[in-house]
Amino acid sequence: MSYRGDCYDNAPMESFFRSFKVEEVYRQQYETFEQTTRAVRNYIDRFYNRERLHSSIGYVSPLEFEQKHHRL
């Protein structure tokens, strides 16, 4: 944690939630809590971590980034 009022504390989560809402939530209509839970897990585990390219880590997926850096 940094000092009170530091706008950079929340930036990564704000970015994630924006992506999540635009790429998943606003495109779907969930009927049950189970369906919603499954969709959230699927988005994070399958799409966001394995397929989605992230500009902050060189336009690779987080999984690919981790694999590259663990080999070094």
PDB file of N, CA and C in Angstrom:
ATOM      1  N   MET A   1       0.844  -1.185   0.000  1.00  0.00           N
ATOM      2  CA  MET A   1       0.000   0.000   0.000  1.00  0.00           C
ATOM      3  C   MET A   1       0.884   1.241   0.000  1.00  0.00           C
ATOM      4  N   SER A   2       0.417   2.199  -0.717  1.00  0.00           N
ATOM      5  CA  SER A   2       1.138   3.469  -0.710  1.00  0.00           C
ATOM      6  C   SER A   2       0.329   4.495   0.082  1.00  0.00           C
ATOM      7  N   TYR A   3       0.698   5.721  -0.071  1.00  0.00           N
ATOM      8  CA  TYR A   3       0.056   6.774   0.702  1.00  0.00           C
ATOM      9  C   TYR A   3      -1.386   7.014   0.276  1.00  0.00           C
ATOM     10  N   ARG A   4      -2.153   7.539   1.204  1.00  0.00           N
ATOM     11  CA  ARG A   4      -3.553   7.865   0.944  1.00  0.00           C
ATOM     12  C   ARG A   4      -3.661   8.832  -0.233  1.00  0.00           C
ATOM     13  N   GLY A   5      -4.603   8.528  -1.117  1.00  0.00           N
ATOM     14  CA  GLY A   5      -4.818   9.405  -2.254  1.00  0.00           C
ATOM     15  C   GLY A   5      -3.959   9.077  -3.462  1.00  0.00           C
ATOM     16  N   ASP A   6      -3.146   8.037  -3.384  1.00  0.00           N
ATOM     17  CA  ASP A   6      -2.306   7.642  -4.516  1.00  0.00           C
ATOM     18  C   ASP A   6      -3.183   6.938  -5.550  1.00  0.00           C
ATOM     19  N   CYS A   7      -3.333   7.553  -6.693  1.00  0.00           N
ATOM     20  CA  CYS A   7      -4.258   7.032  -7.702  1.00  0.00           C
ATOM     21  C   CYS A   7      -3.754   5.743  -8.350  1.00  0.00           C
ATOM     22  N   TYR A   8      -2.495   5.382  -8.167  1.00  0.00           N
ATOM     23  CA  TYR A   8      -1.953   4.186  -8.820  1.00  0.00           C
ATOM     24  C   TYR A   8      -2.261   2.898  -8.062  1.00  0.00           C
ATOM     25  N   ASP A   9      -2.729   2.990  -6.833  1.00  0.00           N
ATOM     26  CA  ASP A   9      -3.068   1.794  -6.067  1.00  0.00           C
ATOM     27  C   ASP A   9      -4.149   0.970  -6.746  1.00  0.00           C
ATOM     28  N   ASN A  10      -5.156   1.630  -7.225  1.00  0.00           N
ATOM     29  CA  ASN A  10      -6.334   0.963  -7.747  1.00  0.00           C
ATOM     30  C   ASN A  10      -6.290   0.732  -9.255  1.00  0.00           C
ATOM     31  N   ALA A  11      -5.331   1.289  -9.949  1.00  0.00           N
ATOM     32  CA  ALA A  11      -5.298   1.273 -11.409  1.00  0.00           C
ATOM     33  C   ALA A  11      -5.356  -0.125 -12.020  1.00  0.00           C
ATOM     34  N   PRO A  12      -4.591  -1.111 -11.537  1.00  0.00           N
ATOM     35  CA  PRO A  12      -4.668  -2.440 -12.156  1.00  0.00           C
ATOM     36  C   PRO A  12      -6.053  -3.071 -12.040  1.00  0.00           C
ATOM     37  N   MET A  13      -6.690  -2.947 -10.901  1.00  0.00           N
ATOM     38  CA  MET A  13      -8.017  -3.536 -10.735  1.00  0.00           C
ATOM     39  C   MET A  13      -9.067  -2.779 -11.535  1.00  0.00           C
ATOM     40  N   GLU A  14      -8.954  -1.461 -11.604  1.00  0.00           N
ATOM     41  CA  GLU A  14      -9.884  -0.682 -12.413  1.00  0.00           C
ATOM     42  C   GLU A  14      -9.771  -1.103 -13.871  1.00  0.00           C
ATOM     43  N   SER A  15      -8.561  -1.322 -14.339  1.00  0.00           N
ATOM     44  CA  SER A  15      -8.345  -1.763 -15.712  1.00  0.00           C
ATOM     45  C   SER A  15      -8.955  -3.141 -15.951  1.00  0.00           C
ATOM     46  N   PHE A  16      -8.743  -4.064 -15.004  1.00  0.00           N
ATOM     47  CA  PHE A  16      -9.309  -5.401 -15.137  1.00  0.00           C
ATOM     48  C   PHE A  16     -10.835  -5.350 -15.189  1.00  0.00           C
ATOM     49  N   PHE A  17     -11.449  -4.613 -14.277  1.00  0.00           N
ATOM     50  CA  PHE A  17     -12.909  -4.566 -14.235  1.00  0.00           C
ATOM     51  C   PHE A  17     -13.491  -3.907 -15.483  1.00  0.00           C
ATOM     52  N   ARG A  18     -12.808  -2.927 -16.028  1.00  0.00           N
ATOM     53  CA  ARG A  18     -13.278  -2.337 -17.278  1.00  0.00           C
ATOM     54  C   ARG A  18     -13.260  -3.385 -18.384  1.00  0.00           C
ATOM     55  N   SER A  19     -12.147  -4.094 -18.514  1.00  0.00           N
ATOM     56  CA  SER A  19     -12.039  -5.137 -19.538  1.00  0.00           C
ATOM     57  C   SER A  19     -13.096  -6.214 -19.325  1.00  0.00           C
ATOM     58  N   PHE A  20     -13.260  -6.625 -18.099  1.00  0.00           N
ATOM     59  CA  PHE A  20     -14.226  -7.670 -17.762  1.00  0.00           C
ATOM     60  C   PHE A  20     -15.643  -7.251 -18.151  1.00  0.00           C
ATOM     61  N   LYS A  21     -16.022  -6.037 -17.811  1.00  0.00           N
ATOM     62  CA  LYS A  21     -17.367  -5.568 -18.116  1.00  0.00           C
ATOM     63  C   LYS A  21     -17.590  -5.465 -19.628  1.00  0.00           C
ATOM     64  N   VAL A  22     -16.631  -4.874 -20.334  1.00  0.00           N
ATOM     65  CA  VAL A  22     -16.790  -4.664 -21.771  1.00  0.00           C
ATOM     66  C   VAL A  22     -16.738  -5.991 -22.536  1.00  0.00           C
ATOM     67  N   GLU A  23     -15.825  -6.868 -22.168  1.00  0.00           N
ATOM     68  CA  GLU A  23     -15.612  -8.099 -22.933  1.00  0.00           C
ATOM     69  C   GLU A  23     -16.524  -9.245 -22.519  1.00  0.00           C
ATOM     70  N   GLU A  24     -17.118  -9.190 -21.346  1.00  0.00           N
ATOM     71  CA  GLU A  24     -17.939 -10.315 -20.878  1.00  0.00           C
ATOM     72  C   GLU A  24     -19.325  -9.876 -20.407  1.00  0.00           C
ATOM     73  N   VAL A  25     -19.387  -9.072 -19.403  1.00  0.00           N
ATOM     74  CA  VAL A  25     -20.653  -8.780 -18.719  1.00  0.00           C
ATOM     75  C   VAL A  25     -21.676  -8.103 -19.628  1.00  0.00           C
ATOM     76  N   TYR A  26     -21.274  -7.057 -20.349  1.00  0.00           N
ATOM     77  CA  TYR A  26     -22.232  -6.312 -21.163  1.00  0.00           C
ATOM     78  C   TYR A  26     -22.704  -7.100 -22.384  1.00  0.00           C
ATOM     79  N   ARG A  27     -22.018  -8.176 -22.722  1.00  0.00           N
ATOM     80  CA  ARG A  27     -22.388  -8.990 -23.888  1.00  0.00           C
ATOM     81  C   ARG A  27     -23.308 -10.156 -23.542  1.00  0.00           C
ATOM     82  N   GLN A  28     -23.539 -10.400 -22.274  1.00  0.00           N
ATOM     83  CA  GLN A  28     -24.306 -11.556 -21.829  1.00  0.00           C
ATOM     84  C   GLN A  28     -25.527 -11.124 -21.025  1.00  0.00           C
ATOM     85  N   GLN A  29     -26.442 -12.060 -20.907  1.00  0.00           N
ATOM     86  CA  GLN A  29     -27.571 -11.870 -19.998  1.00  0.00           C
ATOM     87  C   GLN A  29     -27.645 -13.142 -19.156  1.00  0.00           C
ATOM     88  N   TYR A  30     -27.313 -13.016 -17.902  1.00  0.00           N
ATOM     89  CA  TYR A  30     -27.245 -14.169 -17.013  1.00  0.00           C
ATOM     90  C   TYR A  30     -28.601 -14.409 -16.363  1.00  0.00           C
ATOM     91  N   GLU A  31     -28.989 -15.674 -16.318  1.00  0.00           N
ATOM     92  CA  GLU A  31     -30.284 -16.012 -15.739  1.00  0.00           C
ATOM     93  C   GLU A  31     -30.185 -16.565 -14.324  1.00  0.00           C
ATOM     94  N   THR A  32     -29.073 -17.206 -13.997  1.00  0.00           N
ATOM     95  CA  THR A  32     -28.913 -17.787 -12.665  1.00  0.00           C
ATOM     96  C   THR A  32     -27.569 -17.384 -12.086  1.00  0.00           C
ATOM     97  N   PHE A  33     -27.465 -17.523 -10.776  1.00  0.00           N
ATOM     98  CA  PHE A  33     -26.203 -17.250 -10.103  1.00  0.00           C
ATOM     99  C   PHE A  33     -25.127 -18.229 -10.575  1.00  0.00           C
ATOM    100  N   GLU A  34     -25.485 -19.488 -10.762  1.00  0.00           N
ATOM    101  CA  GLU A  34     -24.528 -20.496 -11.236  1.00  0.00           C
ATOM    102  C   GLU A  34     -23.996 -20.148 -12.620  1.00  0.00           C
ATOM    103  N   GLN A  35     -24.865 -19.713 -13.490  1.00  0.00           N
ATOM    104  CA  GLN A  35     -24.455 -19.330 -14.832  1.00  0.00           C
ATOM    105  C   GLN A  35     -23.488 -18.137 -14.767  1.00  0.00           C
ATOM    106  N   THR A  36     -23.783 -17.198 -13.917  1.00  0.00           N
ATOM    107  CA  THR A  36     -22.914 -16.037 -13.748  1.00  0.00           C
ATOM    108  C   THR A  36     -21.560 -16.445 -13.198  1.00  0.00           C
ATOM    109  N   THR A  37     -21.554 -17.287 -12.174  1.00  0.00           N
ATOM    110  CA  THR A  37     -20.309 -17.754 -11.575  1.00  0.00           C
ATOM    111  C   THR A  37     -19.461 -18.501 -12.591  1.00  0.00           C
ATOM    112  N   ARG A  38     -20.076 -19.355 -13.357  1.00  0.00           N
ATOM    113  CA  ARG A  38     -19.374 -20.126 -14.390  1.00  0.00           C
ATOM    114  C   ARG A  38     -18.769 -19.194 -15.442  1.00  0.00           C
ATOM    115  N   ALA A  39     -19.516 -18.181 -15.844  1.00  0.00           N
ATOM    116  CA  ALA A  39     -19.038 -17.238 -16.845  1.00  0.00           C
ATOM    117  C   ALA A  39     -17.845 -16.425 -16.333  1.00  0.00           C
ATOM    118  N   VAL A  40     -17.898 -16.013 -15.074  1.00  0.00           N
ATOM    119  CA  VAL A  40     -16.783 -15.259 -14.486  1.00  0.00           C
ATOM    120  C   VAL A  40     -15.530 -16.127 -14.436  1.00  0.00           C
ATOM    121  N   ARG A  41     -15.666 -17.353 -13.961  1.00  0.00           N
ATOM    122  CA  ARG A  41     -14.513 -18.257 -13.906  1.00  0.00           C
ATOM    123  C   ARG A  41     -13.954 -18.525 -15.292  1.00  0.00           C
ATOM    124  N   ASN A  42     -14.827 -18.750 -16.244  1.00  0.00           N
ATOM    125  CA  ASN A  42     -14.401 -19.015 -17.609  1.00  0.00           C
ATOM    126  C   ASN A  42     -13.649 -17.816 -18.186  1.00  0.00           C
ATOM    127  N   TYR A  43     -14.167 -16.627 -17.951  1.00  0.00           N
ATOM    128  CA  TYR A  43     -13.516 -15.424 -18.467  1.00  0.00           C
ATOM    129  C   TYR A  43     -12.107 -15.292 -17.888  1.00  0.00           C
ATOM    130  N   ILE A  44     -11.986 -15.438 -16.592  1.00  0.00           N
ATOM    131  CA  ILE A  44     -10.680 -15.253 -15.953  1.00  0.00           C
ATOM    132  C   ILE A  44      -9.727 -16.394 -16.273  1.00  0.00           C
ATOM    133  N   ASP A  45     -10.163 -17.633 -16.047  1.00  0.00           N
ATOM    134  CA  ASP A  45      -9.279 -18.792 -16.208  1.00  0.00           C
ATOM    135  C   ASP A  45      -8.923 -19.096 -17.654  1.00  0.00           C
ATOM    136  N   ARG A  46      -9.890 -18.987 -18.529  1.00  0.00           N
ATOM    137  CA  ARG A  46      -9.640 -19.398 -19.909  1.00  0.00           C
ATOM    138  C   ARG A  46      -9.251 -18.232 -20.814  1.00  0.00           C
ATOM    139  N   PHE A  47     -10.045 -17.183 -20.798  1.00  0.00           N
ATOM    140  CA  PHE A  47      -9.802 -16.098 -21.744  1.00  0.00           C
ATOM    141  C   PHE A  47      -8.752 -15.106 -21.238  1.00  0.00           C
ATOM    142  N   TYR A  48      -8.982 -14.492 -20.090  1.00  0.00           N
ATOM    143  CA  TYR A  48      -8.120 -13.406 -19.616  1.00  0.00           C
ATOM    144  C   TYR A  48      -6.690 -13.876 -19.357  1.00  0.00           C
ATOM    145  N   ASN A  49      -6.522 -15.035 -18.765  1.00  0.00           N
ATOM    146  CA  ASN A  49      -5.184 -15.510 -18.423  1.00  0.00           C
ATOM    147  C   ASN A  49      -4.494 -16.300 -19.530  1.00  0.00           C
ATOM    148  N   ARG A  50      -5.250 -16.889 -20.455  1.00  0.00           N
ATOM    149  CA  ARG A  50      -4.643 -17.766 -21.460  1.00  0.00           C
ATOM    150  C   ARG A  50      -4.645 -17.216 -22.879  1.00  0.00           C
ATOM    151  N   GLU A  51      -5.616 -16.365 -23.206  1.00  0.00           N
ATOM    152  CA  GLU A  51      -5.749 -15.928 -24.595  1.00  0.00           C
ATOM    153  C   GLU A  51      -5.592 -14.427 -24.799  1.00  0.00           C
ATOM    154  N   ARG A  52      -6.108 -13.649 -23.878  1.00  0.00           N
ATOM    155  CA  ARG A  52      -6.138 -12.203 -24.065  1.00  0.00           C
ATOM    156  C   ARG A  52      -4.728 -11.625 -24.020  1.00  0.00           C
ATOM    157  N   LEU A  53      -4.408 -10.803 -25.021  1.00  0.00           N
ATOM    158  CA  LEU A  53      -3.096 -10.171 -25.072  1.00  0.00           C
ATOM    159  C   LEU A  53      -3.115  -8.902 -24.220  1.00  0.00           C
ATOM    160  N   HIS A  54      -2.076  -8.732 -23.420  1.00  0.00           N
ATOM    161  CA  HIS A  54      -1.984  -7.603 -22.490  1.00  0.00           C
ATOM    162  C   HIS A  54      -0.857  -6.674 -22.924  1.00  0.00           C
ATOM    163  N   SER A  55      -1.181  -5.435 -23.163  1.00  0.00           N
ATOM    164  CA  SER A  55      -0.188  -4.479 -23.637  1.00  0.00           C
ATOM    165  C   SER A  55       0.913  -4.226 -22.604  1.00  0.00           C
ATOM    166  N   SER A  56       0.585  -4.309 -21.342  1.00  0.00           N
ATOM    167  CA  SER A  56       1.572  -3.997 -20.300  1.00  0.00           C
ATOM    168  C   SER A  56       2.660  -5.064 -20.161  1.00  0.00           C
ATOM    169  N   ILE A  57       2.463  -6.234 -20.759  1.00  0.00           N
ATOM    170  CA  ILE A  57       3.474  -7.298 -20.686  1.00  0.00           C
ATOM    171  C   ILE A  57       3.927  -7.733 -22.080  1.00  0.00           C
ATOM    172  N   GLY A  58       3.897  -6.788 -23.013  1.00  0.00           N
ATOM    173  CA  GLY A  58       4.440  -7.057 -24.339  1.00  0.00           C
ATOM    174  C   GLY A  58       3.495  -7.777 -25.281  1.00  0.00           C
ATOM    175  N   TYR A  59       2.221  -7.574 -25.123  1.00  0.00           N
ATOM    176  CA  TYR A  59       1.206  -8.175 -25.999  1.00  0.00           C
ATOM    177  C   TYR A  59       1.273  -9.698 -26.049  1.00  0.00           C
ATOM    178  N   VAL A  60       1.410 -10.289 -24.876  1.00  0.00           N
ATOM    179  CA  VAL A  60       1.287 -11.738 -24.718  1.00  0.00           C
ATOM    180  C   VAL A  60       0.276 -11.994 -23.616  1.00  0.00           C
ATOM    181  N   SER A  61      -0.183 -13.233 -23.507  1.00  0.00           N
ATOM    182  CA  SER A  61      -1.110 -13.568 -22.429  1.00  0.00           C
ATOM    183  C   SER A  61      -0.333 -13.709 -21.121  1.00  0.00           C
ATOM    184  N   PRO A  62      -0.994 -13.567 -19.980  1.00  0.00           N
ATOM    185  CA  PRO A  62      -0.303 -13.739 -18.708  1.00  0.00           C
ATOM    186  C   PRO A  62       0.335 -15.127 -18.571  1.00  0.00           C
ATOM    187  N   LEU A  63      -0.335 -16.154 -19.058  1.00  0.00           N
ATOM    188  CA  LEU A  63       0.220 -17.499 -18.988  1.00  0.00           C
ATOM    189  C   LEU A  63       1.505 -17.597 -19.806  1.00  0.00           C
ATOM    190  N   GLU A  64       1.493 -17.067 -21.011  1.00  0.00           N
ATOM    191  CA  GLU A  64       2.687 -17.088 -21.857  1.00  0.00           C
ATOM    192  C   GLU A  64       3.819 -16.276 -21.224  1.00  0.00           C
ATOM    193  N   PHE A  65       3.483 -15.135 -20.644  1.00  0.00           N
ATOM    194  CA  PHE A  65       4.471 -14.301 -19.964  1.00  0.00           C
ATOM    195  C   PHE A  65       5.133 -15.066 -18.816  1.00  0.00           C
ATOM    196  N   GLU A  66       4.322 -15.724 -17.999  1.00  0.00           N
ATOM    197  CA  GLU A  66       4.851 -16.519 -16.879  1.00  0.00           C
ATOM    198  C   GLU A  66       5.748 -17.639 -17.380  1.00  0.00           C
ATOM    199  N   GLN A  67       5.327 -18.331 -18.411  1.00  0.00           N
ATOM    200  CA  GLN A  67       6.116 -19.451 -18.938  1.00  0.00           C
ATOM    201  C   GLN A  67       7.459 -18.962 -19.476  1.00  0.00           C
ATOM    202  N   LYS A  68       7.474 -17.844 -20.170  1.00  0.00           N
ATOM    203  CA  LYS A  68       8.726 -17.296 -20.699  1.00  0.00           C
ATOM    204  C   LYS A  68       9.682 -16.923 -19.580  1.00  0.00           C
ATOM    205  N   HIS A  69       9.161 -16.318 -18.526  1.00  0.00           N
ATOM    206  CA  HIS A  69      10.020 -15.811 -17.466  1.00  0.00           C
ATOM    207  C   HIS A  69      10.448 -16.879 -16.467  1.00  0.00           C
ATOM    208  N   HIS A  70       9.749 -17.978 -16.415  1.00  0.00           N
ATOM    209  CA  HIS A  70      10.179 -19.076 -15.547  1.00  0.00           C
ATOM    210  C   HIS A  70      11.274 -19.894 -16.190  1.00  0.00           C
ATOM    211  N   ARG A  71      11.401 -19.810 -17.517  1.00  0.00           N
ATOM    212  CA  ARG A  71      12.455 -20.522 -18.225  1.00  0.00           C
ATOM    213  C   ARG A  71      13.802 -19.855 -18.034  1.00  0.00           C
ATOM    214  N   LEU A  72      13.810 -18.547 -17.784  1.00  0.00           N
ATOM    215  CA  LEU A  72      15.072 -17.803 -17.678  1.00  0.00           C
ATOM    216  C   LEU A  72      15.877 -18.162 -16.483  1.00  0.00           C
TER     217      LEU A  72
END
